[in-house]
Each structure stands twice: as structure tokens, then as C-alpha cells.
Protein backbone atom coordinates (compact mmCIF):
# COMPACT_ATOMS: atom_id res chain seq x y z
CA UNK A 1 0.02 0.05 0.10
CA UNK A 2 2.92 2.38 0.79
CA UNK A 3 6.24 2.11 -1.17
CA UNK A 4 9.76 1.75 0.16
CA UNK A 5 11.15 4.55 2.33
CA UNK A 6 7.51 5.85 3.36
CA UNK A 7 7.05 4.52 6.93
CA UNK A 8 9.34 5.38 9.66
CA UNK A 9 7.60 3.98 12.90
CA UNK A 10 5.71 0.98 14.07
CA UNK A 11 2.27 1.27 12.66
CA UNK A 12 -1.15 1.37 14.47
CA UNK A 13 -4.08 -0.12 13.00
CA UNK A 14 -7.85 -0.28 13.73
CA UNK A 15 -11.02 -1.08 11.95
CA UNK A 16 -14.32 0.71 12.12
CA UNK A 17 -16.79 2.57 10.02
CA UNK A 18 -16.69 -0.40 7.53
CA UNK A 19 -12.83 0.07 6.89
CA UNK A 20 -9.29 -0.80 7.90
CA UNK A 21 -7.03 2.12 8.94
CA UNK A 22 -3.43 2.43 9.46
CA UNK A 23 -1.39 5.32 11.02
CA UNK A 24 2.44 5.66 10.94
CA UNK A 25 5.21 8.16 11.07
CA UNK A 26 6.00 8.97 7.49
CA UNK A 27 9.06 10.63 5.64
CA UNK A 28 10.54 13.63 7.40
CA UNK A 29 8.41 13.29 10.60
CA UNK A 30 5.20 13.47 8.95
CA UNK A 31 1.97 11.72 10.10
CA UNK A 32 0.51 9.39 7.48
CA UNK A 33 -2.87 7.81 7.49
CA UNK A 34 -4.06 4.75 5.22
CA UNK A 35 -7.54 3.45 4.83
CA UNK A 36 -9.42 1.01 2.79
CA UNK A 37 -13.11 0.06 2.62
CA UNK A 38 -13.41 -3.48 3.96
CA UNK A 39 -13.00 -6.00 1.11
CA UNK A 40 -12.19 -3.41 -1.52
CA UNK A 41 -9.13 -2.17 -3.28
CA UNK A 42 -7.32 0.46 -3.33
CA UNK A 43 -5.89 1.86 -0.24
CA UNK A 44 -6.01 5.57 0.02
CA UNK A 45 -3.28 7.64 1.60
CA UNK A 46 -3.70 10.92 3.68
CA UNK A 47 -1.02 13.25 5.15
CA UNK A 48 -2.44 13.93 8.76
CA UNK A 49 0.41 16.44 9.59
CA UNK A 50 3.19 17.59 7.44
CA UNK A 51 7.05 17.40 7.83
CA UNK A 52 8.77 17.66 11.46
CA UNK A 53 5.50 17.17 13.25
CA UNK A 54 5.84 13.62 14.51
CA UNK A 55 8.49 12.09 16.62
CA UNK A 56 7.04 8.69 17.65
CA UNK A 57 5.00 5.89 16.53
CA UNK A 58 1.32 7.07 16.53
CA UNK A 59 -1.67 5.33 18.11
CA UNK A 60 -4.96 5.22 16.36
CA UNK A 61 -8.48 4.44 17.41
CA UNK A 62 -11.94 5.07 16.07
CA UNK A 63 -14.94 6.37 18.07
CA UNK A 64 -18.33 5.26 17.34
CA UNK A 65 -19.75 8.06 19.62
CA UNK A 66 -18.14 11.10 17.83
CA UNK A 67 -17.99 9.11 14.55
CA UNK A 68 -14.44 9.96 14.05
CA UNK A 69 -10.86 8.44 13.57
CA UNK A 70 -8.54 9.56 16.20
CA UNK A 71 -4.59 9.66 16.20
CA UNK A 72 -2.06 10.60 18.98
CA UNK A 73 1.71 11.08 18.62
CA UNK A 74 4.53 12.74 20.22
CA UNK A 75 5.27 16.07 18.57
CA UNK A 76 8.16 18.45 18.06
CA UNK A 77 9.70 19.44 21.52
CA UNK A 78 8.25 16.40 23.22
CA UNK A 79 4.62 17.73 22.96
CA UNK A 80 1.59 15.48 22.80
CA UNK A 81 -0.52 16.03 19.73
CA UNK A 82 -4.23 14.89 19.04
CA UNK A 83 -5.79 14.44 15.56
CA UNK A 84 -9.28 13.73 14.56
CA UNK A 85 -11.38 13.40 11.48
CA UNK A 86 -14.90 12.64 11.13
CA UNK A 87 -15.86 9.39 9.19
CA UNK A 88 -15.88 10.19 5.45
CA UNK A 89 -15.00 13.91 6.12
CA UNK A 90 -11.85 16.19 5.44
CA UNK A 91 -9.84 17.89 6.90
CA UNK A 92 -7.98 16.26 9.87
CA UNK A 93 -8.25 18.62 13.03
CA UNK A 94 -5.34 18.97 15.18
CA UNK A 95 -4.99 19.85 18.90
CA UNK A 96 -2.06 20.03 21.35
CA UNK A 97 -3.03 17.80 24.25
CA UNK A 98 0.14 18.62 26.19
CA UNK A 99 2.91 21.09 25.49
CA UNK A 100 6.58 21.02 25.32
CA UNK A 101 8.59 18.58 27.54
CA UNK A 102 5.48 16.63 28.28
CA UNK A 103 5.74 13.42 26.16
CA UNK A 104 8.67 10.96 25.65
CA UNK A 105 7.70 8.12 23.69
CA UNK A 106 4.72 6.72 21.74
CA UNK A 107 1.46 7.42 23.45
CA UNK A 108 -1.67 5.28 23.51
CA UNK A 109 -5.20 6.48 22.83
CA UNK A 110 -8.70 4.99 23.49
CA UNK A 111 -12.29 6.50 23.22
CA UNK A 112 -15.04 5.94 25.48
CA UNK A 113 -18.62 7.28 25.93
CA UNK A 114 -17.33 10.42 27.67
CA UNK A 115 -14.42 11.43 25.33
CA UNK A 116 -10.76 10.64 24.55
CA UNK A 117 -8.11 9.17 26.95
CA UNK A 118 -4.46 9.09 26.32
CA UNK A 119 -1.53 7.67 28.35
CA UNK A 120 1.99 8.59 27.63
CA UNK A 121 5.54 8.44 29.05
CA UNK A 122 6.16 11.85 30.67
CA UNK A 123 9.53 13.52 31.77
CA UNK A 124 12.20 11.23 33.51
CA UNK A 125 10.27 8.01 32.68
CA UNK A 126 7.16 9.06 34.40
CA UNK A 127 3.55 7.97 33.43
CA UNK A 128 0.97 10.52 32.48
CA UNK A 129 -2.74 10.36 31.72
CA UNK A 130 -4.59 12.85 29.69
CA UNK A 131 -8.51 13.10 29.01
CA UNK A 132 -10.73 15.33 27.26
CA UNK A 133 -14.75 15.30 27.15
CA UNK A 134 -16.33 15.19 23.66
CA UNK A 135 -17.27 18.73 22.77
CA UNK A 136 -14.79 20.49 24.96
CA UNK A 137 -11.38 21.98 23.91
CA UNK A 138 -9.72 21.59 27.41
CA UNK A 139 -7.36 18.66 28.11
CA UNK A 140 -6.97 17.44 31.56
CA UNK A 141 -3.66 16.00 32.80
CA UNK A 142 -2.92 13.55 35.66
CA UNK A 143 0.37 12.15 37.05
CA UNK A 144 -0.01 8.47 37.46
CA UNK A 145 3.34 7.30 38.42
CA UNK A 146 6.80 8.87 39.14
CA UNK A 147 10.37 8.93 37.62
CA UNK A 148 11.67 5.75 36.17
CA UNK A 149 8.35 3.66 35.99
CA UNK A 150 8.12 3.72 32.33
CA UNK A 151 10.43 2.98 29.48
CA UNK A 152 9.07 3.59 25.93
């Protein structure tokens, strides 16, 4: 689906909305998204975020509540970036879930009935938890475990 020299991280995969979806770090630190309607060819490619925006393997999930695909990844300056796109819609929407020096490794995302939930390695190998209610712009941060408790 993607040629040589296009993928520079472990991919993340999900299924939902009658499709298979993959996200991965692309060339020059971009964030790439691929999708295919189940059982049909071809695969389609989209650039979620351009060069120098992504510094980790992303995490991808679907939300049946908000009817969207959701991706999180470590961004420039060890920040945490959150991207979402309504099923079948363009464009991708970007948010900074946590600022500079907050994220040190590939985060993990899940959606539940209330909103988005992200876990990520924080400074000094700590474990951080972030959440946001659907329809709200504010991200909430919690410290889960101290220094040297995670190793991404």
C-alpha cells in the first residue's frame, strides 16, 4: 500500500466504519494515514500532519460515539498531539493535548462514551494520563506514576 521509504515507525491499526485504517510516522517526521473500505481495493493515503510534526509511533482508534478516527503522537519538542477526522470527512483537525517537554515516547489512545483518553510516558520516565470530554477543547492531565516507572 505504501512504497519503500515511506514508513518510519511501528504502525497502528484499527477497524471501524466499515474500513481498515493504519497510521504511521512518514518521511521527514510527517504523520500518515491509510484506509481501505473493507473488502475493496485500493488503499487511500492521507497526510495528517506535515514534515517535522511527528517524533514517535502514533496510536490510532475509532470512536463510534463521535463518529471519527483519532490519532495521537509525540510532536516536536516532546509535546503531545491529538488529531481527529469525522468518518468520510476532510480535513484532519489538530490539537495540542500537552505542551513542550510533556511526552517522551509513543502514546496510547482510546475513546469511551465520555471522550478521549491518552496515556504517555512523561519526563524522567514518568507515566501521564490525559483526558478530554467530547465537545470540549480543554485537556486534563494527571500524574499516574513517578520517575523511572515507564520505559518507552
